[in-house]
Amino acid sequence: MWIEKLADGILELDTPIGPRYLQPNFLERALLTWTFRNFSSLPQEVLRTSERRLIDRLWNENRFVSLSVVGANDRPIIGRVERRAMASVEVIPERKPVSSSERSLTDNGREAISA
């Protein structure tokens, strides 16, 4: 199976519009076959920086493959990269610390009321 992936494998990317397929060259296929040797699918976050750059470069070079061509569905998939949307983080505004002059006023006020 890994020989077929080295010879003619493609890389599947999850995108918001559906799966896209990239055609790496032989050396890139060898690297990606090694990366996906134990997993058929990996989140993009666990890939090394060099592997992420490789995928971005393939994407930017428009090395896409259409699987609608006759016989294209028979091509082995090296692996699947899960491109998850970045989670939005709610930013909570910082609370201002109480200054020492305000603290002393409230302390004096409490003393006056209790006296």
C-alpha atoms as a PDB file:
ATOM      1  CA  MET A   1       0.000   0.000   0.000  1.00  0.00           C
ATOM      2  CA  TRP A   2       2.764   2.479   0.852  1.00  0.00           C
ATOM      3  CA  ILE A   3       4.388   1.855  -2.542  1.00  0.00           C
ATOM      4  CA  GLU A   4       1.180   2.972  -4.268  1.00  0.00           C
ATOM      5  CA  LYS A   5       1.137   6.084  -2.064  1.00  0.00           C
ATOM      6  CA  LEU A   6       4.739   6.864  -3.030  1.00  0.00           C
ATOM      7  CA  ALA A   7       4.087   6.278  -6.709  1.00  0.00           C
ATOM      8  CA  ASP A   8       0.834   8.191  -7.189  1.00  0.00           C
ATOM      9  CA  GLY A   9      -0.564   9.350  -3.836  1.00  0.00           C
ATOM     10  CA  ILE A  10      -2.474  12.554  -3.221  1.00  0.00           C
ATOM     11  CA  LEU A  11      -3.071  14.575  -0.062  1.00  0.00           C
ATOM     12  CA  GLU A  12      -6.613  15.343   1.127  1.00  0.00           C
ATOM     13  CA  LEU A  13      -7.344  18.658   2.837  1.00  0.00           C
ATOM     14  CA  ASP A  14     -10.511  19.405   4.760  1.00  0.00           C
ATOM     15  CA  THR A  15     -11.815  22.855   3.862  1.00  0.00           C
ATOM     16  CA  PRO A  16     -15.038  24.699   4.718  1.00  0.00           C
ATOM     17  CA  ILE A  17     -16.308  23.990   1.178  1.00  0.00           C
ATOM     18  CA  GLY A  18     -15.432  20.292   1.281  1.00  0.00           C
ATOM     19  CA  PRO A  19     -12.386  18.114   0.680  1.00  0.00           C
ATOM     20  CA  ARG A  20      -9.671  19.298  -1.727  1.00  0.00           C
ATOM     21  CA  TYR A  21      -6.872  17.127  -3.086  1.00  0.00           C
ATOM     22  CA  LEU A  22      -3.253  18.152  -3.688  1.00  0.00           C
ATOM     23  CA  GLN A  23      -0.664  16.458  -5.898  1.00  0.00           C
ATOM     24  CA  PRO A  24       2.802  16.456  -4.269  1.00  0.00           C
ATOM     25  CA  ASN A  25       5.953  15.433  -6.157  1.00  0.00           C
ATOM     26  CA  PHE A  26       7.842  12.221  -5.299  1.00  0.00           C
ATOM     27  CA  LEU A  27       9.988  13.629  -2.466  1.00  0.00           C
ATOM     28  CA  GLU A  28       7.003  15.428  -0.960  1.00  0.00           C
ATOM     29  CA  ARG A  29       4.979  12.202  -1.173  1.00  0.00           C
ATOM     30  CA  ALA A  30       7.773  10.362   0.656  1.00  0.00           C
ATOM     31  CA  LEU A  31       7.776  12.950   3.452  1.00  0.00           C
ATOM     32  CA  LEU A  32       3.991  12.928   3.732  1.00  0.00           C
ATOM     33  CA  THR A  33       3.843   9.109   3.649  1.00  0.00           C
ATOM     34  CA  TRP A  34       6.235   9.074   6.608  1.00  0.00           C
ATOM     35  CA  THR A  35       4.168  11.713   8.415  1.00  0.00           C
ATOM     36  CA  PHE A  36       0.935   9.752   7.961  1.00  0.00           C
ATOM     37  CA  ARG A  37       2.482   6.303   8.514  1.00  0.00           C
ATOM     38  CA  ASN A  38       0.443   5.629  11.671  1.00  0.00           C
ATOM     39  CA  PHE A  39      -2.583   7.859  11.078  1.00  0.00           C
ATOM     40  CA  SER A  40      -4.902   8.329   8.142  1.00  0.00           C
ATOM     41  CA  SER A  41      -5.985  11.769   9.373  1.00  0.00           C
ATOM     42  CA  LEU A  42      -4.173  14.442  11.404  1.00  0.00           C
ATOM     43  CA  PRO A  43      -5.170  17.919  12.603  1.00  0.00           C
ATOM     44  CA  GLN A  44      -3.047  20.670  11.116  1.00  0.00           C
ATOM     45  CA  GLU A  45      -2.007  21.777  14.612  1.00  0.00           C
ATOM     46  CA  VAL A  46       0.042  18.603  15.246  1.00  0.00           C
ATOM     47  CA  LEU A  47       2.093  18.894  12.048  1.00  0.00           C
ATOM     48  CA  ARG A  48       5.617  20.266  12.200  1.00  0.00           C
ATOM     49  CA  THR A  49       6.223  23.767  10.889  1.00  0.00           C
ATOM     50  CA  SER A  50       8.013  22.423   7.801  1.00  0.00           C
ATOM     51  CA  GLU A  51       5.075  20.140   6.997  1.00  0.00           C
ATOM     52  CA  ARG A  52       2.626  23.032   7.366  1.00  0.00           C
ATOM     53  CA  ARG A  53       4.757  25.149   5.035  1.00  0.00           C
ATOM     54  CA  LEU A  54       4.826  22.301   2.498  1.00  0.00           C
ATOM     55  CA  ILE A  55       1.038  22.054   2.529  1.00  0.00           C
ATOM     56  CA  ASP A  56       0.665  25.844   2.258  1.00  0.00           C
ATOM     57  CA  ARG A  57       3.108  25.887  -0.660  1.00  0.00           C
ATOM     58  CA  LEU A  58       1.199  23.121  -2.466  1.00  0.00           C
ATOM     59  CA  TRP A  59      -2.003  25.080  -1.855  1.00  0.00           C
ATOM     60  CA  ASN A  60      -0.509  28.364  -3.127  1.00  0.00           C
ATOM     61  CA  GLU A  61       0.944  26.675  -6.231  1.00  0.00           C
ATOM     62  CA  ASN A  62      -2.576  25.410  -7.079  1.00  0.00           C
ATOM     63  CA  ARG A  63      -1.435  21.804  -7.266  1.00  0.00           C
ATOM     64  CA  PHE A  64      -5.000  20.607  -6.942  1.00  0.00           C
ATOM     65  CA  VAL A  65      -6.256  17.353  -8.415  1.00  0.00           C
ATOM     66  CA  SER A  66      -9.787  16.821  -9.614  1.00  0.00           C
ATOM     67  CA  LEU A  67     -11.259  13.451  -8.694  1.00  0.00           C
ATOM     68  CA  SER A  68     -14.056  13.830 -11.233  1.00  0.00           C
ATOM     69  CA  VAL A  69     -11.754  12.547 -14.004  1.00  0.00           C
ATOM     70  CA  VAL A  70     -12.286   8.885 -14.934  1.00  0.00           C
ATOM     71  CA  GLY A  71     -10.023   6.664 -12.812  1.00  0.00           C
ATOM     72  CA  ALA A  72      -8.999   9.463 -10.451  1.00  0.00           C
ATOM     73  CA  ASN A  73     -10.963   7.932  -7.567  1.00  0.00           C
ATOM     74  CA  ASP A  74      -8.551   4.984  -7.647  1.00  0.00           C
ATOM     75  CA  ARG A  75      -5.602   7.129  -6.574  1.00  0.00           C
ATOM     76  CA  PRO A  76      -4.387   6.356  -3.059  1.00  0.00           C
ATOM     77  CA  ILE A  77      -4.777   9.074  -0.445  1.00  0.00           C
ATOM     78  CA  ILE A  78      -1.572   9.561   1.539  1.00  0.00           C
ATOM     79  CA  GLY A  79      -3.385  11.233   4.409  1.00  0.00           C
ATOM     80  CA  ARG A  80      -6.001  13.752   5.386  1.00  0.00           C
ATOM     81  CA  VAL A  81      -5.185  17.124   6.965  1.00  0.00           C
ATOM     82  CA  GLU A  82      -7.958  18.487   9.142  1.00  0.00           C
ATOM     83  CA  ARG A  83      -8.008  22.240   8.786  1.00  0.00           C
ATOM     84  CA  ARG A  84     -10.091  23.410  11.696  1.00  0.00           C
ATOM     85  CA  ALA A  85     -11.296  26.964  12.011  1.00  0.00           C
ATOM     86  CA  MET A  86      -9.581  28.806  14.792  1.00  0.00           C
ATOM     87  CA  ALA A  87     -11.761  28.983  17.870  1.00  0.00           C
ATOM     88  CA  SER A  88     -12.753  32.481  18.833  1.00  0.00           C
ATOM     89  CA  VAL A  89     -11.702  33.493  22.296  1.00  0.00           C
ATOM     90  CA  GLU A  90     -13.835  35.868  24.315  1.00  0.00           C
ATOM     91  CA  VAL A  91     -11.749  38.741  25.629  1.00  0.00           C
ATOM     92  CA  ILE A  92     -12.764  39.895  29.073  1.00  0.00           C
ATOM     93  CA  PRO A  93     -11.796  43.490  29.875  1.00  0.00           C
ATOM     94  CA  GLU A  94      -9.359  43.944  32.708  1.00  0.00           C
ATOM     95  CA  ARG A  95     -10.689  45.243  35.965  1.00  0.00           C
ATOM     96  CA  LYS A  96      -9.059  48.339  37.328  1.00  0.00           C
ATOM     97  CA  PRO A  97      -7.333  47.806  40.651  1.00  0.00           C
ATOM     98  CA  VAL A  98      -8.668  49.845  43.557  1.00  0.00           C
ATOM     99  CA  SER A  99      -6.234  52.646  44.327  1.00  0.00           C
ATOM    100  CA  SER A 100      -4.928  53.139  47.870  1.00  0.00           C
ATOM    101  CA  SER A 101      -6.635  56.576  48.256  1.00  0.00           C
ATOM    102  CA  GLU A 102     -10.048  55.073  47.440  1.00  0.00           C
ATOM    103  CA  ARG A 103      -9.388  52.192  49.822  1.00  0.00           C
ATOM    104  CA  SER A 104      -8.534  54.541  52.711  1.00  0.00           C
ATOM    105  CA  LEU A 105     -11.727  56.568  52.138  1.00  0.00           C
ATOM    106  CA  THR A 106     -13.891  53.480  52.334  1.00  0.00           C
ATOM    107  CA  ASP A 107     -12.040  52.260  55.416  1.00  0.00           C
ATOM    108  CA  ASN A 108     -12.512  55.656  57.166  1.00  0.00           C
ATOM    109  CA  GLY A 109     -16.171  55.713  56.203  1.00  0.00           C
ATOM    110  CA  ARG A 110     -16.754  52.324  57.766  1.00  0.00           C
ATOM    111  CA  GLU A 111     -15.028  53.428  60.944  1.00  0.00           C
ATOM    112  CA  ALA A 112     -17.171  56.541  61.163  1.00  0.00           C
ATOM    113  CA  ILE A 113     -20.377  54.579  60.710  1.00  0.00           C
ATOM    114  CA  SER A 114     -19.430  52.009  63.315  1.00  0.00           C
ATOM    115  CA  ALA A 115     -18.368  54.656  65.860  1.00  0.00           C
END
